[in-house]
Amino acid sequence: MSTGVREIDADIEGLCFLMARIFDPLVECRRCNGVCDHSNCSRIAAIRAYVQRGFIRQDTLMADAAYPLHADHQAEHQALLNQLAAMTEAGLCADRDRQVVREAVNRWLARHHRGFDRLLANWTVTRRVLSPGP
């Protein structure tokens, strides 16, 4: 999954790495007190924290590039954050409900990459805000 723009691709690669690590069957969920009460899944929280940081970087990039689809792209980011928040509020556990959480994030990522990140990458390269590269 590549846009051809390193600054955008790094966040995608990082999320893919995080998802693989979080859902590795040999990685155990660790709560602060060691007991999961399904009130605040630490794995879902880790995904939210990671994507929020990436969204801030992309938001800055879109502002710097005067990207005309900035609001739509931002709304798509917010949709994932809302979905992850709803999962937490519903008491989903990324261990017990791993398939649901993984599929939701992966579906969002595939759709977002095709419909949003590629367009942003093209805009930033054609406007010479960023350079294409490995």
N, C-alpha and C. Protein backbone atom coordinates (compact mmCIF):
# COMPACT_ATOMS: atom_id res chain seq x y z
N MET A 1 0.86 -1.17 0.00
CA MET A 1 0.00 0.00 0.00
C MET A 1 0.91 1.23 0.00
N SER A 2 0.99 1.88 -1.14
CA SER A 2 1.92 3.00 -1.26
C SER A 2 1.31 4.12 -2.09
N THR A 3 1.59 5.35 -1.65
CA THR A 3 1.18 6.52 -2.42
C THR A 3 2.34 7.04 -3.25
N GLY A 4 3.54 6.59 -2.92
CA GLY A 4 4.74 7.09 -3.58
C GLY A 4 5.32 8.32 -2.91
N VAL A 5 4.71 8.76 -1.81
CA VAL A 5 5.21 9.91 -1.06
C VAL A 5 5.56 9.41 0.34
N ARG A 6 6.84 9.48 0.65
CA ARG A 6 7.35 8.89 1.89
C ARG A 6 6.64 9.41 3.14
N GLU A 7 6.37 10.68 3.22
CA GLU A 7 5.75 11.27 4.41
C GLU A 7 4.36 10.69 4.68
N ILE A 8 3.65 10.35 3.64
CA ILE A 8 2.31 9.76 3.79
C ILE A 8 2.44 8.26 4.01
N ASP A 9 3.30 7.62 3.26
CA ASP A 9 3.47 6.17 3.36
C ASP A 9 3.98 5.73 4.71
N ALA A 10 4.78 6.56 5.37
CA ALA A 10 5.34 6.18 6.67
C ALA A 10 4.23 5.93 7.70
N ASP A 11 3.20 6.75 7.68
CA ASP A 11 2.09 6.55 8.62
C ASP A 11 1.32 5.28 8.30
N ILE A 12 1.13 5.00 7.02
CA ILE A 12 0.43 3.78 6.61
C ILE A 12 1.24 2.55 7.04
N GLU A 13 2.54 2.58 6.76
CA GLU A 13 3.40 1.46 7.14
C GLU A 13 3.42 1.28 8.65
N GLY A 14 3.47 2.38 9.37
CA GLY A 14 3.46 2.31 10.83
C GLY A 14 2.18 1.70 11.37
N LEU A 15 1.04 2.08 10.80
CA LEU A 15 -0.23 1.51 11.24
C LEU A 15 -0.29 0.02 10.92
N CYS A 16 0.18 -0.36 9.76
CA CYS A 16 0.20 -1.79 9.41
C CYS A 16 1.09 -2.58 10.36
N PHE A 17 2.25 -2.01 10.72
CA PHE A 17 3.14 -2.66 11.69
C PHE A 17 2.46 -2.79 13.04
N LEU A 18 1.86 -1.69 13.50
CA LEU A 18 1.18 -1.70 14.79
C LEU A 18 0.06 -2.74 14.82
N MET A 19 -0.74 -2.79 13.77
CA MET A 19 -1.83 -3.76 13.70
C MET A 19 -1.30 -5.19 13.75
N ALA A 20 -0.22 -5.46 13.03
CA ALA A 20 0.36 -6.81 13.04
C ALA A 20 0.85 -7.15 14.44
N ARG A 21 1.46 -6.20 15.10
CA ARG A 21 2.00 -6.44 16.44
C ARG A 21 0.88 -6.61 17.45
N ILE A 22 -0.11 -5.75 17.41
CA ILE A 22 -1.22 -5.82 18.37
C ILE A 22 -1.98 -7.13 18.24
N PHE A 23 -2.16 -7.59 17.01
CA PHE A 23 -2.96 -8.79 16.80
C PHE A 23 -2.13 -10.06 16.63
N ASP A 24 -0.85 -9.98 16.93
CA ASP A 24 -0.01 -11.17 16.94
C ASP A 24 -0.53 -12.08 18.07
N PRO A 25 -0.82 -13.34 17.76
CA PRO A 25 -1.37 -14.23 18.79
C PRO A 25 -0.45 -14.41 20.00
N LEU A 26 0.83 -14.15 19.84
CA LEU A 26 1.77 -14.33 20.95
C LEU A 26 1.91 -13.09 21.82
N VAL A 27 1.26 -11.99 21.42
CA VAL A 27 1.32 -10.75 22.20
C VAL A 27 0.10 -10.69 23.11
N GLU A 28 0.36 -10.64 24.40
CA GLU A 28 -0.72 -10.59 25.38
C GLU A 28 -1.13 -9.15 25.66
N CYS A 29 -2.39 -8.98 25.93
CA CYS A 29 -2.91 -7.68 26.32
C CYS A 29 -2.45 -7.39 27.74
N ARG A 30 -1.98 -6.19 27.97
CA ARG A 30 -1.53 -5.80 29.31
C ARG A 30 -2.28 -4.56 29.76
N ARG A 31 -3.01 -4.72 30.84
CA ARG A 31 -3.69 -3.59 31.47
C ARG A 31 -2.82 -3.09 32.61
N CYS A 32 -3.05 -1.87 33.01
CA CYS A 32 -2.25 -1.29 34.11
C CYS A 32 -2.30 -2.17 35.36
N ASN A 33 -3.48 -2.64 35.71
CA ASN A 33 -3.61 -3.45 36.92
C ASN A 33 -3.64 -4.95 36.62
N GLY A 34 -3.46 -5.30 35.36
CA GLY A 34 -3.39 -6.70 34.99
C GLY A 34 -4.72 -7.39 34.75
N VAL A 35 -5.82 -6.74 35.07
CA VAL A 35 -7.14 -7.34 34.89
C VAL A 35 -7.94 -6.53 33.88
N CYS A 36 -8.50 -7.20 32.90
CA CYS A 36 -9.29 -6.50 31.89
C CYS A 36 -10.76 -6.51 32.31
N ASP A 37 -11.33 -5.35 32.45
CA ASP A 37 -12.76 -5.26 32.76
C ASP A 37 -13.57 -4.85 31.53
N HIS A 38 -12.89 -4.83 30.37
CA HIS A 38 -13.51 -4.49 29.08
C HIS A 38 -14.09 -3.08 29.05
N SER A 39 -13.57 -2.20 29.90
CA SER A 39 -14.07 -0.83 29.92
C SER A 39 -13.24 0.11 29.06
N ASN A 40 -11.99 -0.26 28.82
CA ASN A 40 -11.13 0.61 28.02
C ASN A 40 -9.99 -0.24 27.46
N CYS A 41 -10.21 -0.78 26.30
CA CYS A 41 -9.25 -1.69 25.68
C CYS A 41 -7.94 -0.96 25.36
N SER A 42 -6.85 -1.44 25.94
CA SER A 42 -5.56 -0.79 25.73
C SER A 42 -5.09 -0.93 24.28
N ARG A 43 -5.50 -1.98 23.60
CA ARG A 43 -5.10 -2.15 22.19
C ARG A 43 -5.83 -1.15 21.29
N ILE A 44 -7.11 -0.99 21.52
CA ILE A 44 -7.87 0.01 20.75
C ILE A 44 -7.33 1.40 21.07
N ALA A 45 -7.00 1.65 22.32
CA ALA A 45 -6.43 2.95 22.72
C ALA A 45 -5.09 3.18 22.01
N ALA A 46 -4.29 2.14 21.84
CA ALA A 46 -3.00 2.27 21.15
C ALA A 46 -3.22 2.61 19.67
N ILE A 47 -4.21 1.99 19.05
CA ILE A 47 -4.52 2.30 17.65
C ILE A 47 -4.98 3.76 17.54
N ARG A 48 -5.86 4.17 18.43
CA ARG A 48 -6.35 5.56 18.41
C ARG A 48 -5.21 6.55 18.59
N ALA A 49 -4.33 6.29 19.53
CA ALA A 49 -3.22 7.21 19.79
C ALA A 49 -2.31 7.30 18.57
N TYR A 50 -2.02 6.17 17.94
CA TYR A 50 -1.15 6.19 16.78
C TYR A 50 -1.77 6.96 15.62
N VAL A 51 -3.04 6.66 15.31
CA VAL A 51 -3.64 7.33 14.16
C VAL A 51 -3.86 8.81 14.43
N GLN A 52 -4.14 9.18 15.67
CA GLN A 52 -4.29 10.61 15.98
C GLN A 52 -3.01 11.38 15.67
N ARG A 53 -1.86 10.82 16.02
CA ARG A 53 -0.59 11.48 15.72
C ARG A 53 -0.38 11.61 14.21
N GLY A 54 -0.69 10.56 13.48
CA GLY A 54 -0.56 10.61 12.02
C GLY A 54 -1.52 11.61 11.40
N PHE A 55 -2.73 11.68 11.95
CA PHE A 55 -3.72 12.62 11.42
C PHE A 55 -3.28 14.05 11.64
N ILE A 56 -2.63 14.32 12.75
CA ILE A 56 -2.12 15.67 13.00
C ILE A 56 -1.06 16.03 11.96
N ARG A 57 -0.17 15.09 11.66
CA ARG A 57 0.85 15.34 10.62
C ARG A 57 0.20 15.59 9.27
N GLN A 58 -0.79 14.77 8.90
CA GLN A 58 -1.44 14.97 7.61
C GLN A 58 -2.24 16.26 7.59
N ASP A 59 -2.83 16.63 8.70
CA ASP A 59 -3.59 17.88 8.76
C ASP A 59 -2.67 19.07 8.49
N THR A 60 -1.48 19.04 9.08
CA THR A 60 -0.49 20.10 8.85
C THR A 60 -0.08 20.12 7.39
N LEU A 61 0.16 18.94 6.83
CA LEU A 61 0.55 18.83 5.42
C LEU A 61 -0.55 19.40 4.52
N MET A 62 -1.80 19.06 4.79
CA MET A 62 -2.90 19.55 3.96
C MET A 62 -3.03 21.07 4.06
N ALA A 63 -2.85 21.60 5.25
CA ALA A 63 -2.92 23.06 5.42
C ALA A 63 -1.78 23.73 4.66
N ASP A 64 -0.57 23.19 4.81
CA ASP A 64 0.60 23.77 4.11
C ASP A 64 0.45 23.71 2.60
N ALA A 65 -0.23 22.67 2.11
CA ALA A 65 -0.38 22.48 0.67
C ALA A 65 -1.62 23.16 0.11
N ALA A 66 -2.39 23.83 0.97
CA ALA A 66 -3.67 24.44 0.56
C ALA A 66 -4.52 23.40 -0.18
N TYR A 67 -4.62 22.23 0.41
CA TYR A 67 -5.31 21.10 -0.22
C TYR A 67 -6.81 21.35 -0.25
N PRO A 68 -7.42 21.33 -1.42
CA PRO A 68 -8.84 21.69 -1.53
C PRO A 68 -9.79 20.67 -0.90
N LEU A 69 -9.34 19.43 -0.71
CA LEU A 69 -10.19 18.40 -0.11
C LEU A 69 -9.85 18.17 1.37
N HIS A 70 -9.24 19.17 1.97
CA HIS A 70 -8.79 19.08 3.36
C HIS A 70 -9.94 18.68 4.29
N ALA A 71 -11.07 19.34 4.20
CA ALA A 71 -12.20 19.07 5.11
C ALA A 71 -12.73 17.66 4.93
N ASP A 72 -12.85 17.20 3.69
CA ASP A 72 -13.33 15.84 3.44
C ASP A 72 -12.34 14.81 3.99
N HIS A 73 -11.06 15.05 3.77
CA HIS A 73 -10.02 14.14 4.24
C HIS A 73 -10.04 14.10 5.78
N GLN A 74 -10.17 15.26 6.38
CA GLN A 74 -10.23 15.36 7.83
C GLN A 74 -11.45 14.62 8.39
N ALA A 75 -12.57 14.73 7.70
CA ALA A 75 -13.80 14.04 8.13
C ALA A 75 -13.61 12.53 8.08
N GLU A 76 -12.88 12.07 7.09
CA GLU A 76 -12.60 10.63 6.98
C GLU A 76 -11.71 10.17 8.14
N HIS A 77 -10.77 10.98 8.54
CA HIS A 77 -9.95 10.67 9.71
C HIS A 77 -10.83 10.59 10.95
N GLN A 78 -11.70 11.58 11.09
CA GLN A 78 -12.57 11.62 12.26
C GLN A 78 -13.50 10.41 12.30
N ALA A 79 -13.91 9.92 11.14
CA ALA A 79 -14.78 8.74 11.09
C ALA A 79 -14.11 7.53 11.75
N LEU A 80 -12.81 7.34 11.50
CA LEU A 80 -12.12 6.22 12.14
C LEU A 80 -12.02 6.46 13.64
N LEU A 81 -11.67 7.66 14.05
CA LEU A 81 -11.59 7.94 15.48
C LEU A 81 -12.94 7.72 16.16
N ASN A 82 -14.02 8.12 15.50
CA ASN A 82 -15.36 7.90 16.05
C ASN A 82 -15.68 6.42 16.16
N GLN A 83 -15.29 5.66 15.14
CA GLN A 83 -15.55 4.23 15.15
C GLN A 83 -14.77 3.54 16.28
N LEU A 84 -13.53 3.93 16.46
CA LEU A 84 -12.73 3.35 17.55
C LEU A 84 -13.30 3.75 18.91
N ALA A 85 -13.76 4.99 19.04
CA ALA A 85 -14.39 5.43 20.29
C ALA A 85 -15.67 4.65 20.56
N ALA A 86 -16.44 4.41 19.52
CA ALA A 86 -17.69 3.63 19.69
C ALA A 86 -17.38 2.19 20.12
N MET A 87 -16.30 1.63 19.59
CA MET A 87 -15.90 0.28 20.00
C MET A 87 -15.55 0.26 21.48
N THR A 88 -14.82 1.28 21.92
CA THR A 88 -14.44 1.36 23.33
C THR A 88 -15.67 1.52 24.20
N GLU A 89 -16.57 2.41 23.81
CA GLU A 89 -17.79 2.65 24.58
C GLU A 89 -18.67 1.41 24.65
N ALA A 90 -18.64 0.59 23.59
CA ALA A 90 -19.44 -0.63 23.55
C ALA A 90 -18.77 -1.78 24.32
N GLY A 91 -17.57 -1.53 24.83
CA GLY A 91 -16.88 -2.55 25.60
C GLY A 91 -16.19 -3.61 24.76
N LEU A 92 -15.92 -3.28 23.50
CA LEU A 92 -15.20 -4.24 22.68
C LEU A 92 -13.78 -4.41 23.20
N CYS A 93 -13.29 -5.60 23.05
CA CYS A 93 -11.94 -5.94 23.49
C CYS A 93 -11.19 -6.43 22.26
N ALA A 94 -10.05 -5.83 21.96
CA ALA A 94 -9.30 -6.21 20.76
C ALA A 94 -8.71 -7.61 20.89
N ASP A 95 -8.77 -8.18 22.07
CA ASP A 95 -8.34 -9.57 22.23
C ASP A 95 -9.54 -10.47 21.95
N ARG A 96 -10.60 -10.29 22.68
CA ARG A 96 -11.81 -11.10 22.54
C ARG A 96 -12.51 -10.85 21.20
N ASP A 97 -12.53 -9.58 20.74
CA ASP A 97 -13.22 -9.20 19.50
C ASP A 97 -12.22 -8.84 18.41
N ARG A 98 -11.09 -9.52 18.40
CA ARG A 98 -9.99 -9.16 17.50
C ARG A 98 -10.40 -9.09 16.04
N GLN A 99 -11.25 -10.00 15.58
CA GLN A 99 -11.65 -10.01 14.17
C GLN A 99 -12.45 -8.76 13.82
N VAL A 100 -13.33 -8.35 14.69
CA VAL A 100 -14.17 -7.16 14.45
C VAL A 100 -13.30 -5.91 14.38
N VAL A 101 -12.41 -5.76 15.36
CA VAL A 101 -11.55 -4.57 15.41
C VAL A 101 -10.61 -4.55 14.22
N ARG A 102 -9.95 -5.67 13.96
CA ARG A 102 -8.99 -5.74 12.85
C ARG A 102 -9.66 -5.46 11.52
N GLU A 103 -10.80 -6.08 11.27
CA GLU A 103 -11.49 -5.87 9.99
C GLU A 103 -11.95 -4.42 9.84
N ALA A 104 -12.44 -3.81 10.89
CA ALA A 104 -12.91 -2.43 10.81
C ALA A 104 -11.76 -1.49 10.44
N VAL A 105 -10.63 -1.65 11.11
CA VAL A 105 -9.48 -0.78 10.83
C VAL A 105 -8.92 -1.06 9.44
N ASN A 106 -8.79 -2.32 9.08
CA ASN A 106 -8.25 -2.66 7.76
C ASN A 106 -9.16 -2.19 6.63
N ARG A 107 -10.47 -2.31 6.81
CA ARG A 107 -11.41 -1.81 5.79
C ARG A 107 -11.29 -0.30 5.65
N TRP A 108 -11.24 0.40 6.79
CA TRP A 108 -11.09 1.85 6.75
C TRP A 108 -9.78 2.21 6.05
N LEU A 109 -8.69 1.55 6.41
CA LEU A 109 -7.39 1.87 5.84
C LEU A 109 -7.38 1.67 4.33
N ALA A 110 -7.93 0.57 3.84
CA ALA A 110 -7.95 0.31 2.40
C ALA A 110 -8.77 1.38 1.68
N ARG A 111 -9.94 1.70 2.22
CA ARG A 111 -10.81 2.71 1.60
C ARG A 111 -10.15 4.09 1.66
N HIS A 112 -9.56 4.42 2.80
CA HIS A 112 -8.94 5.72 2.98
C HIS A 112 -7.73 5.88 2.05
N HIS A 113 -6.94 4.84 1.95
CA HIS A 113 -5.77 4.89 1.08
C HIS A 113 -6.18 5.14 -0.38
N ARG A 114 -7.15 4.37 -0.86
CA ARG A 114 -7.61 4.51 -2.25
C ARG A 114 -8.27 5.85 -2.50
N GLY A 115 -9.15 6.26 -1.60
CA GLY A 115 -9.97 7.43 -1.85
C GLY A 115 -9.43 8.76 -1.35
N PHE A 116 -8.44 8.71 -0.47
CA PHE A 116 -7.99 9.97 0.13
C PHE A 116 -6.48 10.17 0.08
N ASP A 117 -5.71 9.21 0.59
CA ASP A 117 -4.26 9.42 0.66
C ASP A 117 -3.61 9.50 -0.71
N ARG A 118 -4.08 8.73 -1.65
CA ARG A 118 -3.50 8.83 -3.01
C ARG A 118 -3.76 10.19 -3.62
N LEU A 119 -4.96 10.72 -3.42
CA LEU A 119 -5.27 12.06 -3.94
C LEU A 119 -4.40 13.12 -3.28
N LEU A 120 -4.23 13.00 -1.96
CA LEU A 120 -3.38 13.95 -1.24
C LEU A 120 -1.94 13.85 -1.74
N ALA A 121 -1.45 12.65 -1.93
CA ALA A 121 -0.08 12.47 -2.42
C ALA A 121 0.09 13.13 -3.79
N ASN A 122 -0.86 12.88 -4.67
CA ASN A 122 -0.77 13.50 -6.01
C ASN A 122 -0.78 15.02 -5.92
N TRP A 123 -1.62 15.57 -5.07
CA TRP A 123 -1.70 17.02 -4.91
C TRP A 123 -0.37 17.58 -4.40
N THR A 124 0.19 16.96 -3.37
CA THR A 124 1.42 17.49 -2.78
C THR A 124 2.60 17.40 -3.74
N VAL A 125 2.62 16.36 -4.56
CA VAL A 125 3.72 16.22 -5.53
C VAL A 125 3.56 17.21 -6.67
N THR A 126 2.35 17.33 -7.20
CA THR A 126 2.14 18.26 -8.33
C THR A 126 2.29 19.71 -7.91
N ARG A 127 2.04 20.01 -6.64
CA ARG A 127 2.22 21.38 -6.14
C ARG A 127 3.62 21.59 -5.58
N ARG A 128 4.44 20.56 -5.67
CA ARG A 128 5.83 20.59 -5.19
C ARG A 128 5.97 20.90 -3.71
N VAL A 129 4.98 20.46 -2.96
CA VAL A 129 5.04 20.59 -1.50
C VAL A 129 5.92 19.46 -0.95
N LEU A 130 5.77 18.27 -1.54
CA LEU A 130 6.58 17.10 -1.19
C LEU A 130 7.13 16.50 -2.46
N SER A 131 8.16 15.72 -2.30
CA SER A 131 8.76 15.02 -3.45
C SER A 131 8.39 13.56 -3.41
N PRO A 132 8.17 12.97 -4.58
CA PRO A 132 7.97 11.51 -4.59
C PRO A 132 9.29 10.85 -4.24
N GLY A 133 9.19 9.69 -3.68
CA GLY A 133 10.43 9.01 -3.35
C GLY A 133 10.21 7.70 -2.66
N PRO A 134 11.26 7.00 -2.46
CA PRO A 134 11.15 5.69 -1.84
C PRO A 134 10.74 5.76 -0.39
